[in-house]
N, C-alpha and C. Protein backbone atom coordinates (compact mmCIF):
# COMPACT_ATOMS: atom_id res chain seq x y z
N MET A 1 0.76 -1.13 0.01
CA MET A 1 -0.63 -0.09 0.34
C MET A 1 0.46 1.17 -0.01
N LEU A 2 0.64 2.47 -0.67
CA LEU A 2 0.97 3.25 -1.04
C LEU A 2 0.76 4.92 0.36
N VAL A 3 -0.83 4.07 0.33
CA VAL A 3 -1.17 5.42 1.44
C VAL A 3 -0.97 5.96 2.31
N SER A 4 -0.29 4.83 3.13
CA SER A 4 0.22 5.66 4.60
C SER A 4 1.67 6.99 3.80
N ALA A 5 2.42 6.41 3.40
CA ALA A 5 3.70 6.79 2.95
C ALA A 5 3.24 8.24 2.21
N CYS A 6 1.65 8.16 1.87
CA CYS A 6 1.85 9.34 0.33
C CYS A 6 1.06 10.46 1.63
N VAL A 7 0.29 10.45 2.32
CA VAL A 7 -0.81 11.48 3.10
C VAL A 7 -0.32 12.15 3.94
N PHE A 8 0.53 11.50 5.08
CA PHE A 8 1.26 11.72 6.41
C PHE A 8 2.45 11.89 6.73
N GLY A 9 2.47 13.03 7.16
CA GLY A 9 3.66 13.99 7.32
C GLY A 9 3.80 15.41 8.03
N GLY A 10 5.15 16.04 8.58
CA GLY A 10 4.69 17.03 9.36
C GLY A 10 4.38 18.17 8.65
N GLU A 11 3.39 19.09 9.41
CA GLU A 11 3.05 20.69 8.76
C GLU A 11 2.66 21.39 9.55
N ARG A 12 1.41 21.99 9.66
CA ARG A 12 1.40 23.05 10.53
C ARG A 12 0.49 22.89 11.16
N ALA A 13 0.87 23.69 12.76
CA ALA A 13 -0.07 23.55 13.34
C ALA A 13 -0.57 24.61 13.89
N VAL A 14 -2.03 24.73 13.88
CA VAL A 14 -2.83 25.44 13.73
C VAL A 14 -4.10 25.07 14.77
N GLY A 15 -4.88 26.48 15.14
CA GLY A 15 -6.14 26.35 15.73
C GLY A 15 -6.94 25.99 14.83
N GLY A 16 -8.24 25.03 15.86
CA GLY A 16 -9.14 25.14 14.82
C GLY A 16 -9.07 23.57 14.08
N ASP A 17 -8.63 22.49 14.66
CA ASP A 17 -7.98 21.70 14.22
C ASP A 17 -8.80 20.34 13.33
N ASP A 18 -9.94 21.21 13.78
CA ASP A 18 -11.15 20.16 13.00
C ASP A 18 -11.62 21.03 11.64
N GLN A 19 -10.93 21.99 11.23
CA GLN A 19 -10.91 22.60 10.33
C GLN A 19 -10.02 22.71 9.02
N LEU A 20 -10.36 23.22 8.03
CA LEU A 20 -9.08 22.63 6.91
C LEU A 20 -8.64 24.49 6.55
N VAL A 21 -7.70 25.11 6.31
CA VAL A 21 -7.03 25.94 6.18
C VAL A 21 -6.37 26.84 5.24
N PRO A 22 -5.99 28.35 4.78
CA PRO A 22 -5.91 28.33 3.59
C PRO A 22 -4.74 27.42 2.91
N ILE A 23 -4.72 27.46 1.63
CA ILE A 23 -3.44 26.80 0.93
C ILE A 23 -2.35 27.45 1.25
N ASP A 24 -0.98 27.67 1.21
CA ASP A 24 -0.15 28.36 1.45
C ASP A 24 0.96 28.36 0.33
N PRO A 25 1.18 29.77 0.15
CA PRO A 25 1.61 30.20 -0.84
C PRO A 25 2.62 29.92 -1.35
N THR A 26 4.04 29.86 -0.05
CA THR A 26 4.77 29.41 0.14
C THR A 26 5.46 28.58 -0.31
N ILE A 27 4.65 27.11 -0.15
CA ILE A 27 5.40 25.81 -0.79
C ILE A 27 5.65 26.24 -2.33
N GLY A 28 6.77 24.84 -1.61
CA GLY A 28 7.25 25.22 -3.09
C GLY A 28 8.95 25.70 -3.59
N MET A 29 8.47 27.14 -2.65
CA MET A 29 9.44 28.46 -3.02
C MET A 29 11.13 27.68 -3.20
N PRO A 30 11.75 27.78 -3.04
CA PRO A 30 11.88 29.26 -4.51
C PRO A 30 11.89 28.68 -5.40
N VAL A 31 10.77 27.53 -5.78
CA VAL A 31 10.42 26.92 -7.23
C VAL A 31 9.23 27.53 -7.83
N LYS A 32 9.39 29.32 -8.31
CA LYS A 32 8.02 29.44 -8.59
C LYS A 32 7.23 28.60 -9.28
N ASP A 33 7.48 27.98 -10.33
CA ASP A 33 6.84 26.97 -11.06
C ASP A 33 6.26 25.71 -10.27
N TYR A 34 6.50 25.92 -9.23
CA TYR A 34 6.85 24.34 -8.88
C TYR A 34 5.41 24.01 -9.05
N ARG A 35 4.32 24.42 -8.66
CA ARG A 35 2.36 23.64 -8.43
C ARG A 35 1.92 23.41 -10.07
N PRO A 36 2.69 24.03 -10.91
CA PRO A 36 2.35 23.87 -12.50
C PRO A 36 2.79 22.72 -13.07
N LEU A 37 4.20 22.67 -12.56
CA LEU A 37 5.47 21.28 -12.58
C LEU A 37 4.26 19.95 -11.81
N VAL A 38 4.18 20.04 -10.58
CA VAL A 38 3.53 19.15 -9.99
C VAL A 38 2.27 18.68 -10.95
N GLN A 39 1.55 19.46 -11.43
CA GLN A 39 -0.09 19.30 -12.40
C GLN A 39 0.29 18.76 -13.46
N ARG A 40 1.51 18.79 -14.15
CA ARG A 40 1.85 18.25 -15.57
C ARG A 40 2.76 16.74 -15.12
N LYS A 41 3.28 16.91 -14.47
CA LYS A 41 3.49 15.83 -14.15
C LYS A 41 2.54 14.77 -13.41
N LEU A 42 2.00 15.05 -12.81
CA LEU A 42 0.72 14.02 -11.56
C LEU A 42 -0.35 14.03 -13.53
N ARG A 43 -0.40 14.80 -14.52
CA ARG A 43 -1.37 14.72 -15.14
C ARG A 43 -2.54 14.74 -15.05
N LEU A 44 -2.98 15.85 -14.10
CA LEU A 44 -3.97 16.08 -13.36
C LEU A 44 -4.79 16.92 -14.53
N GLN A 45 -5.88 16.30 -14.06
CA GLN A 45 -6.85 17.41 -15.25
C GLN A 45 -7.63 18.81 -15.00
N PRO A 46 -7.63 19.04 -15.34
CA PRO A 46 -7.75 20.97 -15.51
C PRO A 46 -9.32 21.24 -14.50
N ARG A 47 -10.31 20.21 -14.33
CA ARG A 47 -11.38 20.23 -13.79
C ARG A 47 -11.98 18.86 -12.99
N THR A 48 -11.58 18.57 -11.71
CA THR A 48 -12.71 17.62 -11.40
C THR A 48 -13.33 17.82 -10.16
N SER A 49 -14.41 16.82 -10.00
CA SER A 49 -15.26 16.72 -9.33
C SER A 49 -15.10 17.25 -7.47
N ALA A 50 -13.36 16.34 -7.24
CA ALA A 50 -13.49 16.74 -5.79
C ALA A 50 -11.42 16.24 -6.11
N ARG A 51 -10.43 16.84 -4.77
CA ARG A 51 -9.49 16.10 -5.65
C ARG A 51 -8.63 15.88 -4.07
N MET A 52 -7.64 15.15 -3.51
CA MET A 52 -6.74 15.50 -2.95
C MET A 52 -5.53 15.76 -3.36
N LEU A 53 -4.43 16.52 -3.01
CA LEU A 53 -2.93 16.71 -3.57
C LEU A 53 -1.76 17.12 -2.11
N TYR A 54 -1.28 15.98 -2.63
CA TYR A 54 -0.14 15.96 -1.31
C TYR A 54 1.38 16.63 -1.86
N LEU A 55 1.42 17.48 -1.17
CA LEU A 55 2.59 18.16 -1.38
C LEU A 55 3.83 17.77 -0.50
N PRO A 56 4.29 16.23 -0.32
CA PRO A 56 5.51 16.58 0.78
C PRO A 56 6.87 16.84 1.02
N PHE A 57 7.77 17.24 1.51
CA PHE A 57 8.98 17.56 1.74
C PHE A 57 9.80 16.29 0.98
N ALA A 58 9.96 15.18 1.47
CA ALA A 58 11.13 14.50 0.79
C ALA A 58 10.55 12.99 -0.29
N ASP A 59 9.21 13.06 -0.04
CA ASP A 59 8.52 11.55 -0.48
C ASP A 59 8.08 12.56 -2.05
N GLY A 60 7.74 11.13 -3.07
CA GLY A 60 7.36 12.26 -4.33
C GLY A 60 5.43 12.29 -4.14
N GLU A 61 5.20 13.48 -5.04
CA GLU A 61 4.49 14.03 -4.91
C GLU A 61 3.26 13.15 -5.08
N ALA A 62 1.89 13.33 -4.83
CA ALA A 62 0.58 12.79 -5.24
C ALA A 62 -0.73 13.07 -4.82
N ALA A 63 -1.83 12.54 -5.59
CA ALA A 63 -2.82 13.34 -5.87
C ALA A 63 -4.20 12.29 -6.66
N VAL A 64 -5.14 12.47 -5.10
CA VAL A 64 -5.77 11.64 -5.85
C VAL A 64 -7.21 12.33 -6.51
N SER A 65 -8.08 11.35 -7.41
CA SER A 65 -9.15 12.59 -7.99
C SER A 65 -9.71 11.98 -8.46
N VAL A 66 -11.21 12.25 -8.10
CA VAL A 66 -12.87 11.85 -8.53
C VAL A 66 -12.83 13.29 -9.29
N TYR A 67 -13.22 12.68 -10.49
CA TYR A 67 -13.51 13.20 -12.05
C TYR A 67 -14.97 12.61 -12.70
N ALA A 68 -16.23 13.19 -13.91
CA ALA A 68 -16.77 13.07 -14.77
C ALA A 68 -16.03 13.09 -16.07
N MET A 69 -16.72 11.80 -16.73
CA MET A 69 -16.48 11.63 -18.07
C MET A 69 -17.96 11.56 -18.92
N LYS A 70 -18.25 13.09 -19.28
CA LYS A 70 -19.65 12.56 -20.69
C LYS A 70 -19.40 11.82 -21.90
N ARG A 71 -19.76 10.45 -21.64
CA ARG A 71 -20.27 10.13 -23.24
C ARG A 71 -21.09 10.52 -23.98
N ALA A 72 -20.70 10.98 -24.75
CA ALA A 72 -22.04 12.53 -26.21
C ALA A 72 -22.57 11.01 -26.18
N SER A 73 -21.80 9.98 -27.01
CA SER A 73 -22.55 8.47 -28.17
C SER A 73 -24.16 8.35 -27.42
N GLU A 74 -23.65 8.06 -26.05
CA GLU A 74 -24.58 7.55 -25.14
C GLU A 74 -25.62 7.90 -23.95
N ASP A 75 -25.35 9.12 -24.51
CA ASP A 75 -25.93 10.80 -23.34
C ASP A 75 -25.86 10.48 -22.09
N ARG A 76 -24.76 9.53 -21.66
CA ARG A 76 -24.72 9.85 -19.91
C ARG A 76 -23.43 9.96 -19.83
N THR A 77 -23.27 10.06 -17.83
CA THR A 77 -22.11 10.75 -17.38
C THR A 77 -21.24 9.54 -16.93
N GLU A 78 -20.25 9.04 -16.74
CA GLU A 78 -19.80 7.61 -16.17
C GLU A 78 -18.46 8.61 -14.75
N PHE A 79 -18.22 8.10 -13.50
CA PHE A 79 -17.40 8.86 -12.97
C PHE A 79 -16.03 7.54 -12.63
N TYR A 80 -15.14 8.84 -12.24
CA TYR A 80 -14.09 7.80 -12.50
C TYR A 80 -13.39 8.38 -11.00
N VAL A 81 -12.09 7.24 -10.93
CA VAL A 81 -11.47 7.89 -9.68
C VAL A 81 -9.80 7.90 -9.67
N GLU A 82 -9.13 8.50 -10.32
CA GLU A 82 -7.62 8.42 -10.22
C GLU A 82 -6.68 8.66 -9.51
N TYR A 83 -5.60 8.22 -9.01
CA TYR A 83 -4.40 8.09 -7.96
C TYR A 83 -3.06 8.05 -9.36
N THR A 84 -2.63 9.30 -9.16
CA THR A 84 -1.37 9.30 -9.60
C THR A 84 0.17 9.80 -8.25
N LYS A 85 1.26 9.16 -8.34
CA LYS A 85 2.23 9.25 -7.25
C LYS A 85 3.64 9.68 -7.89
N ALA A 86 4.20 10.45 -8.05
CA ALA A 86 5.43 10.23 -8.34
C ALA A 86 6.58 9.53 -7.57
N GLU A 87 7.36 9.09 -8.48
CA GLU A 87 8.12 7.94 -8.04
C GLU A 87 9.32 8.87 -7.09
N LYS A 88 9.57 10.12 -7.08
CA LYS A 88 10.79 11.09 -6.35
C LYS A 88 10.08 12.23 -6.34
N ASN A 89 10.65 12.95 -5.35
CA ASN A 89 9.79 14.17 -4.94
C ASN A 89 10.24 14.79 -6.08
N VAL A 90 9.46 15.41 -6.89
CA VAL A 90 9.69 17.17 -7.90
C VAL A 90 10.44 17.74 -7.15
N TRP A 91 9.97 18.45 -6.43
CA TRP A 91 10.48 19.97 -5.97
C TRP A 91 12.10 19.15 -5.87
N ALA A 92 12.11 18.42 -5.33
CA ALA A 92 13.84 17.92 -5.20
C ALA A 92 14.70 18.02 -5.82
N ARG A 93 13.83 17.18 -7.10
CA ARG A 93 14.54 17.09 -8.64
C ARG A 93 15.02 18.49 -9.16
N ARG A 94 13.77 19.16 -8.84
CA ARG A 94 14.17 20.69 -9.98
C ARG A 94 15.09 21.53 -9.13
N MET A 95 14.89 21.26 -7.74
CA MET A 95 15.88 21.87 -7.02
C MET A 95 17.59 21.90 -7.24
N GLU A 96 17.56 20.64 -7.72
CA GLU A 96 19.02 19.87 -8.25
C GLU A 96 19.64 20.45 -9.54
N GLY A 97 18.50 20.78 -10.47
CA GLY A 97 18.38 21.58 -11.68
C GLY A 97 19.04 22.73 -11.90
N ARG A 98 18.23 23.48 -11.12
CA ARG A 98 19.06 24.94 -10.71
C ARG A 98 19.94 25.19 -10.67
N VAL A 99 20.61 23.36 -9.90
CA VAL A 99 22.34 23.76 -9.87
C VAL A 99 22.95 23.09 -10.69
N THR A 100 22.93 21.89 -11.04
CA THR A 100 23.38 21.19 -12.29
C THR A 100 23.35 21.30 -13.69
N THR A 101 22.28 21.53 -14.08
CA THR A 101 21.99 21.62 -15.14
C THR A 101 21.06 23.33 -15.85
N ALA A 102 21.90 23.28 -17.03
CA ALA A 102 20.83 24.34 -18.37
C ALA A 102 19.80 24.46 -17.96
N ASP A 103 18.96 23.10 -18.65
CA ASP A 103 18.01 23.01 -18.53
C ASP A 103 16.83 22.21 -16.79
N PRO A 104 16.53 23.51 -16.31
CA PRO A 104 16.11 22.69 -14.48
C PRO A 104 14.90 22.13 -14.83
N GLY A 105 13.90 21.89 -15.98
CA GLY A 105 13.21 21.41 -15.84
C GLY A 105 13.37 19.97 -16.40
N ALA A 106 14.66 19.19 -16.87
CA ALA A 106 14.96 17.97 -17.49
C ALA A 106 15.07 16.94 -16.51
N SER A 107 15.50 17.67 -15.45
CA SER A 107 15.69 16.75 -13.90
C SER A 107 14.57 16.43 -13.18
N ALA A 108 13.24 16.86 -13.53
CA ALA A 108 12.24 16.26 -13.15
C ALA A 108 11.42 15.25 -13.94
N ALA A 109 11.86 15.39 -15.14
CA ALA A 109 11.26 14.87 -16.44
C ALA A 109 11.60 13.62 -16.16
N SER A 110 12.44 13.12 -15.64
CA SER A 110 12.90 11.93 -16.09
C SER A 110 12.17 10.60 -14.73
N ILE A 111 11.69 11.45 -14.04
CA ILE A 111 10.87 10.73 -12.95
C ILE A 111 9.97 9.98 -13.46
N ARG A 112 9.53 8.73 -12.73
CA ARG A 112 8.27 7.59 -13.19
C ARG A 112 7.04 8.40 -12.40
N VAL A 113 6.08 8.02 -12.66
CA VAL A 113 4.63 8.63 -12.43
C VAL A 113 3.54 7.21 -12.04
N THR A 114 3.03 6.84 -11.27
CA THR A 114 2.18 5.67 -10.81
C THR A 114 0.81 6.27 -11.09
N GLN A 115 0.35 5.35 -12.08
CA GLN A 115 -1.11 5.89 -12.22
C GLN A 115 -2.15 4.73 -12.38
N LEU A 116 -3.11 5.17 -11.28
CA LEU A 116 -4.06 4.42 -11.71
C LEU A 116 -5.86 5.00 -11.29
N LYS A 117 -6.16 4.10 -11.93
CA LYS A 117 -7.45 5.29 -12.38
C LYS A 117 -8.60 3.83 -12.35
N ALA A 118 -10.17 4.22 -12.15
CA ALA A 118 -11.34 2.98 -11.85
C ALA A 118 -12.12 3.48 -11.66
N PRO A 119 -13.18 3.10 -12.54
CA PRO A 119 -14.96 3.39 -12.26
C PRO A 119 -15.10 3.75 -10.90
N LEU A 120 -16.43 4.39 -10.57
CA LEU A 120 -16.38 4.46 -9.45
C LEU A 120 -18.12 5.01 -9.61
N PRO A 121 -18.88 3.97 -8.56
CA PRO A 121 -20.22 4.53 -8.43
C PRO A 121 -20.81 6.18 -8.52
N ALA A 122 -21.93 6.21 -9.26
CA ALA A 122 -22.28 8.09 -9.61
C ALA A 122 -22.74 8.72 -8.44
N PRO A 123 -23.26 7.39 -6.93
CA PRO A 123 -24.19 7.81 -5.93
C PRO A 123 -22.58 8.08 -5.30
N THR A 124 -21.40 7.31 -5.08
CA THR A 124 -19.90 7.82 -3.95
C THR A 124 -19.64 9.13 -4.71
N ALA A 125 -19.38 9.67 -6.14
CA ALA A 125 -18.92 10.60 -7.02
C ALA A 125 -19.61 11.70 -6.55
N HIS A 126 -20.99 11.40 -6.46
CA HIS A 126 -21.77 12.82 -5.39
C HIS A 126 -21.51 12.42 -4.19
N ALA A 127 -21.85 11.91 -3.61
CA ALA A 127 -21.35 11.88 -1.79
C ALA A 127 -19.89 12.36 -1.44
N VAL A 128 -18.59 12.34 -2.08
CA VAL A 128 -17.41 12.71 -2.02
C VAL A 128 -17.50 14.16 -2.49
N HIS A 129 -18.12 14.80 -3.55
CA HIS A 129 -18.49 15.66 -4.01
C HIS A 129 -18.76 17.22 -3.27
N ASP A 130 -20.00 16.35 -3.03
CA ASP A 130 -20.33 17.16 -1.71
C ASP A 130 -20.14 17.25 -0.13
N ALA A 131 -19.10 16.24 -0.02
CA ALA A 131 -18.20 16.06 1.41
C ALA A 131 -17.32 17.25 1.08
N TRP A 132 -16.94 17.49 -0.13
CA TRP A 132 -15.63 18.61 -0.44
C TRP A 132 -16.18 19.74 -0.20
N VAL A 133 -17.74 19.93 -0.50
CA VAL A 133 -17.87 20.92 -0.71
C VAL A 133 -18.47 21.60 0.63
N SER A 134 -18.51 20.33 1.41
CA SER A 134 -18.92 21.37 2.67
C SER A 134 -17.61 21.67 3.43
N MET A 135 -16.54 21.08 3.20
CA MET A 135 -15.69 21.27 4.07
C MET A 135 -15.14 22.78 3.54
N LEU A 136 -15.13 22.98 2.13
CA LEU A 136 -14.40 23.95 1.78
C LEU A 136 -15.10 25.18 1.45
N LEU A 137 -16.47 25.26 2.29
CA LEU A 137 -16.93 26.75 1.87
C LEU A 137 -16.28 27.81 2.49
N PRO A 138 -16.19 28.85 1.92
CA PRO A 138 -15.38 29.99 2.38
C PRO A 138 -15.12 30.03 3.99
N ASN A 139 -16.68 30.01 4.34
CA ASN A 139 -16.98 30.43 5.69
C ASN A 139 -16.53 28.89 7.16
N ARG A 140 -15.80 28.11 6.21
CA ARG A 140 -15.43 27.17 7.10
C ARG A 140 -14.09 26.62 7.56
N ILE A 141 -13.18 27.74 6.59
CA ILE A 141 -11.82 27.78 6.29
C ILE A 141 -11.43 28.73 7.04
N VAL A 142 -9.91 28.26 8.15
CA VAL A 142 -9.87 29.08 9.15
C VAL A 142 -8.72 29.75 8.95
N GLN A 143 -8.52 31.00 8.90
CA GLN A 143 -7.28 31.78 8.80
C GLN A 143 -6.47 32.09 10.18
N PRO A 144 -5.52 31.31 10.30
CA PRO A 144 -4.62 31.33 11.30
C PRO A 144 -4.21 32.62 11.74
N ALA A 145 -3.65 33.08 12.72
CA ALA A 145 -2.97 33.48 13.45
C ALA A 145 -2.04 33.76 12.95
N ALA A 146 -0.99 34.69 12.90
CA ALA A 146 0.70 34.54 12.21
C ALA A 146 1.41 34.06 13.10
N GLU A 147 0.86 34.38 14.61
CA GLU A 147 2.17 33.49 15.23
C GLU A 147 1.91 31.95 15.50
N SER A 148 0.55 31.54 15.00
CA SER A 148 0.28 29.70 15.30
C SER A 148 0.09 29.20 14.10
N ARG A 149 1.11 30.16 13.36
CA ARG A 149 1.43 29.69 11.62
C ARG A 149 2.93 28.90 11.66
N ILE A 150 3.07 27.35 11.88
CA ILE A 150 3.93 26.41 11.66
C ILE A 150 3.91 25.81 10.84
N ILE A 151 5.59 26.00 10.39
CA ILE A 151 5.90 25.20 8.97
C ILE A 151 6.52 24.26 9.94
N LEU A 152 6.62 22.54 9.57
CA LEU A 152 7.64 21.89 10.18
C LEU A 152 8.45 21.55 9.16
N ASP A 153 8.00 20.85 8.05
CA ASP A 153 8.44 20.75 7.20
C ASP A 153 8.69 21.11 6.03
N GLY A 154 7.73 22.65 5.56
CA GLY A 154 7.59 22.32 3.84
C GLY A 154 6.10 21.44 3.67
N SER A 155 5.72 20.69 4.07
CA SER A 155 4.71 19.47 3.48
C SER A 155 3.33 19.97 3.62
N GLU A 156 2.56 19.70 2.44
CA GLU A 156 1.35 20.53 2.43
C GLU A 156 0.20 18.95 2.29
N THR A 157 -1.50 19.34 2.64
CA THR A 157 -1.85 17.91 1.98
C THR A 157 -3.15 19.23 1.68
N GLU A 158 -3.72 19.18 0.34
CA GLU A 158 -4.23 19.85 -0.33
C GLU A 158 -5.93 19.68 -0.43
N PHE A 159 -6.90 20.58 -0.77
CA PHE A 159 -7.70 19.41 -1.06
C PHE A 159 -8.68 20.52 -2.04
N PHE A 160 -9.35 20.27 -3.31
CA PHE A 160 -9.90 20.74 -4.63
C PHE A 160 -11.20 20.70 -4.72
N VAL A 161 -12.31 21.72 -4.89
CA VAL A 161 -13.82 20.88 -5.51
C VAL A 161 -14.30 22.30 -6.24
N ASP A 162 -14.81 21.55 -7.67
CA ASP A 162 -15.44 22.59 -7.87
C ASP A 162 -16.80 22.97 -8.05
N ASP A 163 -17.62 23.24 -7.20
CA ASP A 163 -18.99 23.85 -7.02
C ASP A 163 -19.85 24.05 -8.12
N GLY A 164 -19.73 24.13 -9.51
CA GLY A 164 -20.17 24.56 -10.79
C GLY A 164 -19.73 26.45 -10.60
N MET A 165 -19.56 26.58 -9.61
CA MET A 165 -19.32 28.66 -10.15
C MET A 165 -17.77 28.84 -10.11
N HIS A 166 -17.04 27.64 -8.79
CA HIS A 166 -15.71 28.19 -8.60
C HIS A 166 -15.38 27.17 -7.80
N THR A 167 -13.83 27.44 -7.56
CA THR A 167 -13.16 26.37 -7.42
C THR A 167 -12.93 26.61 -5.69
N LEU A 168 -12.98 25.53 -5.20
CA LEU A 168 -13.07 25.83 -3.69
C LEU A 168 -11.80 24.96 -3.07
N GLN A 169 -10.90 25.58 -2.33
CA GLN A 169 -9.38 25.25 -1.85
C GLN A 169 -9.57 25.38 -0.27
N GLY A 170 -8.47 24.45 -0.28
CA GLY A 170 -8.06 24.05 1.32
C GLY A 170 -7.38 23.18 1.86
N ALA A 171 -6.36 23.36 2.92
CA ALA A 171 -5.05 22.51 3.58
C ALA A 171 -4.88 22.12 4.80
N LEU A 172 -4.88 21.13 4.76
CA LEU A 172 -4.97 20.09 6.50
C LEU A 172 -3.94 20.68 7.41
N PRO A 173 -4.88 20.99 8.83
CA PRO A 173 -3.95 21.03 9.59
C PRO A 173 -3.07 20.59 10.51
N VAL A 174 -2.48 19.21 9.42
CA VAL A 174 -1.63 18.36 10.12
C VAL A 174 -0.09 18.65 10.37
N PRO A 175 0.37 17.88 11.44
CA PRO A 175 0.12 16.47 12.41
C PRO A 175 -1.24 16.65 13.48
N ARG A 176 -1.49 18.01 13.62
CA ARG A 176 -2.90 17.84 14.47
C ARG A 176 -3.84 17.73 13.76
N ALA A 177 -4.27 17.20 12.99
CA ALA A 177 -5.42 17.38 12.60
C ALA A 177 -6.70 16.41 13.13
N THR A 178 -7.99 16.80 13.87
CA THR A 178 -9.33 15.99 14.11
C THR A 178 -10.11 16.20 13.85
N GLY A 179 -11.26 15.34 14.25
CA GLY A 179 -12.47 15.68 13.91
C GLY A 179 -13.12 15.22 12.56
N ASP A 180 -13.98 16.71 11.57
CA ASP A 180 -13.94 16.58 10.43
C ASP A 180 -12.34 16.82 9.66
N ALA A 181 -11.34 17.10 9.88
CA ALA A 181 -10.65 17.55 8.80
C ALA A 181 -9.89 16.10 8.63
N LEU A 182 -9.65 15.47 9.84
CA LEU A 182 -9.13 13.87 9.85
C LEU A 182 -10.12 13.20 8.74
N GLU A 183 -11.47 13.13 9.09
CA GLU A 183 -11.78 12.66 8.75
C GLU A 183 -11.93 12.91 6.75
N MET A 184 -12.00 13.53 6.73
CA MET A 184 -11.75 13.89 4.95
C MET A 184 -10.41 13.55 4.32
N LEU A 185 -8.99 13.48 5.33
CA LEU A 185 -8.36 13.11 4.56
C LEU A 185 -8.60 11.29 4.86
N ARG A 186 -9.10 10.97 5.77
CA ARG A 186 -8.96 9.23 5.89
C ARG A 186 -10.22 9.09 4.61
N ILE A 187 -11.20 9.63 3.88
CA ILE A 187 -12.10 9.56 2.95
C ILE A 187 -11.32 9.47 1.33
N GLY A 188 -9.92 10.50 1.27
CA GLY A 188 -8.80 10.62 0.71
C GLY A 188 -8.07 9.16 0.69
N GLN A 189 -7.91 9.06 1.70
CA GLN A 189 -6.91 7.91 1.77
C GLN A 189 -8.12 6.49 1.14
N MET A 190 -9.05 6.56 1.71
CA MET A 190 -9.97 5.31 1.21
C MET A 190 -10.05 5.48 -0.50
N LEU A 191 -10.06 6.37 -1.00
CA LEU A 191 -10.18 6.61 -2.29
C LEU A 191 -8.82 5.77 -2.78
N ILE A 192 -7.79 6.22 -2.57
CA ILE A 192 -6.40 6.00 -2.91
C ILE A 192 -6.68 4.06 -2.55
N ASN A 193 -7.48 3.61 -1.61
CA ASN A 193 -7.37 1.77 -1.67
C ASN A 193 -8.16 1.53 -2.43
N TYR A 194 -9.35 2.64 -3.02
CA TYR A 194 -10.69 2.00 -4.09
C TYR A 194 -9.54 1.59 -5.48
N CYS A 195 -8.81 2.75 -5.34
CA CYS A 195 -8.24 2.51 -7.09
C CYS A 195 -7.04 1.40 -6.81
N GLU A 196 -6.39 0.58 -5.90
CA GLU A 196 -5.20 0.09 -5.86
C GLU A 196 -6.15 -1.61 -5.60
N ALA A 197 -7.24 -1.34 -5.39
CA ALA A 197 -7.80 -2.71 -5.27
C ALA A 197 -8.82 -3.41 -6.08
N ASP A 198 -8.51 -4.60 -6.10
CA ASP A 198 -9.35 -5.51 -7.52
C ASP A 198 -10.40 -5.14 -7.29
N PRO A 199 -11.09 -5.09 -8.74
CA PRO A 199 -12.44 -4.60 -8.73
C PRO A 199 -13.49 -5.65 -8.28
N PRO A 200 -13.48 -6.78 -7.55
CA PRO A 200 -14.17 -7.93 -7.04
C PRO A 200 -14.35 -6.92 -5.34
N HIS A 201 -13.35 -6.28 -5.03
CA HIS A 201 -13.54 -5.75 -3.58
C HIS A 201 -13.81 -3.95 -3.37
N ARG A 202 -14.09 -3.79 -4.45
CA ARG A 202 -14.48 -2.11 -4.57
C ARG A 202 -15.72 -2.03 -4.24
N GLY A 203 -16.76 -2.49 -4.29
CA GLY A 203 -18.22 -1.97 -3.82
C GLY A 203 -18.00 -1.71 -2.41
N ILE A 204 -17.71 -2.81 -1.32
CA ILE A 204 -17.74 -2.61 -0.37
C ILE A 204 -16.76 -1.26 0.02
N LEU A 205 -15.33 -1.03 -0.72
CA LEU A 205 -15.04 0.15 -0.25
C LEU A 205 -16.08 1.25 -0.92
N ALA A 206 -16.32 1.64 -1.58
CA ALA A 206 -17.27 2.79 -2.39
C ALA A 206 -18.61 2.58 -1.65
N THR A 207 -18.80 1.63 -0.76
CA THR A 207 -20.40 1.82 0.13
C THR A 207 -20.08 2.60 1.12
N GLU A 208 -18.40 2.72 1.84
CA GLU A 208 -18.22 2.91 2.94
C GLU A 208 -17.60 3.95 2.76
N ILE A 209 -16.92 4.39 1.45
CA ILE A 209 -16.95 5.54 0.87
C ILE A 209 -17.80 6.36 1.02
N GLN A 210 -19.06 6.15 0.45
CA GLN A 210 -19.92 7.29 0.25
C GLN A 210 -20.26 7.38 1.44
N ARG A 211 -20.86 6.32 2.39
CA ARG A 211 -21.20 6.64 4.06
C ARG A 211 -20.79 7.22 5.03
N LYS A 212 -19.36 7.31 4.63
CA LYS A 212 -18.57 8.39 5.30
C LYS A 212 -18.39 9.95 5.05
N SER A 213 -18.81 9.90 3.95
CA SER A 213 -18.56 11.16 3.16
C SER A 213 -20.21 11.89 3.27
N GLN A 214 -21.15 11.10 3.28
CA GLN A 214 -23.08 11.77 3.69
C GLN A 214 -22.55 12.02 4.91
N GLN A 215 -21.90 11.40 6.09
CA GLN A 215 -22.25 11.93 7.72
C GLN A 215 -21.53 13.37 7.61
N LEU A 216 -20.19 12.86 7.15
CA LEU A 216 -19.19 14.47 7.15
C LEU A 216 -20.36 15.53 6.53
N VAL A 217 -20.70 15.54 5.14
CA VAL A 217 -22.04 16.50 5.27
C VAL A 217 -23.12 16.87 6.05
N ALA A 218 -23.72 15.73 6.68
CA ALA A 218 -24.72 15.47 7.81
C ALA A 218 -24.45 16.49 9.43
N ARG A 219 -22.56 16.63 8.91
CA ARG A 219 -22.08 17.53 10.45
C ARG A 219 -21.87 18.57 9.78
N ALA A 220 -22.24 18.93 8.66
CA ALA A 220 -21.62 20.63 7.97
C ALA A 220 -22.63 21.37 9.00
N PRO A 221 -22.31 22.75 9.62
CA PRO A 221 -22.94 23.69 9.85
C PRO A 221 -24.00 24.05 8.68
N ARG A 222 -25.28 24.33 9.28
CA ARG A 222 -26.36 24.87 8.35
C ARG A 222 -25.93 26.28 8.15
N GLN A 223 -25.83 26.38 6.51
CA GLN A 223 -25.52 27.91 6.28
C GLN A 223 -27.03 28.65 6.34
């Protein structure tokens, strides 16, 4: 399993540990093109229903995404979950390239990427989308005080969702994440497990992902 190595790492310690915080714009510095480079390397779709992206300090970057694919010829929509993970850290390779090569981007180009994709039942995909929206609404993102924002090792676990009009986003306050923030992370882990599972075993996982996502929505504050 790749999941335990994928999503846990030292990160920010802030108040409101059961809620998400704003994405840290300094992650990846001084590599200014770090995020676009990771997006290209992991072959991330520009628009997804829901995504969890892990930007670690040393391990390979990874993402799990839920997205829809319209079948125009059959007038129906199919849902998929896709897990991609870089074999080595893109940021570290990019930093090496700044010193050792004339083309810094070339050093990261050779990193291999694992890619797993699986069809996802529509009710499960919708439940995950709704859970992400419930956690990423602007009024649920906690702006930490400057003195409480402590960077431990430069890692970040980020979440994104398309609500139909905007892309909502936030980051996980690990290692002290608790409650709903921790549950959101667990759902992301389960999506990775779903991609890695044999097809006969995915039905049970899909049901559990849907159940936990619906519980997350049910606990969300009323707007």
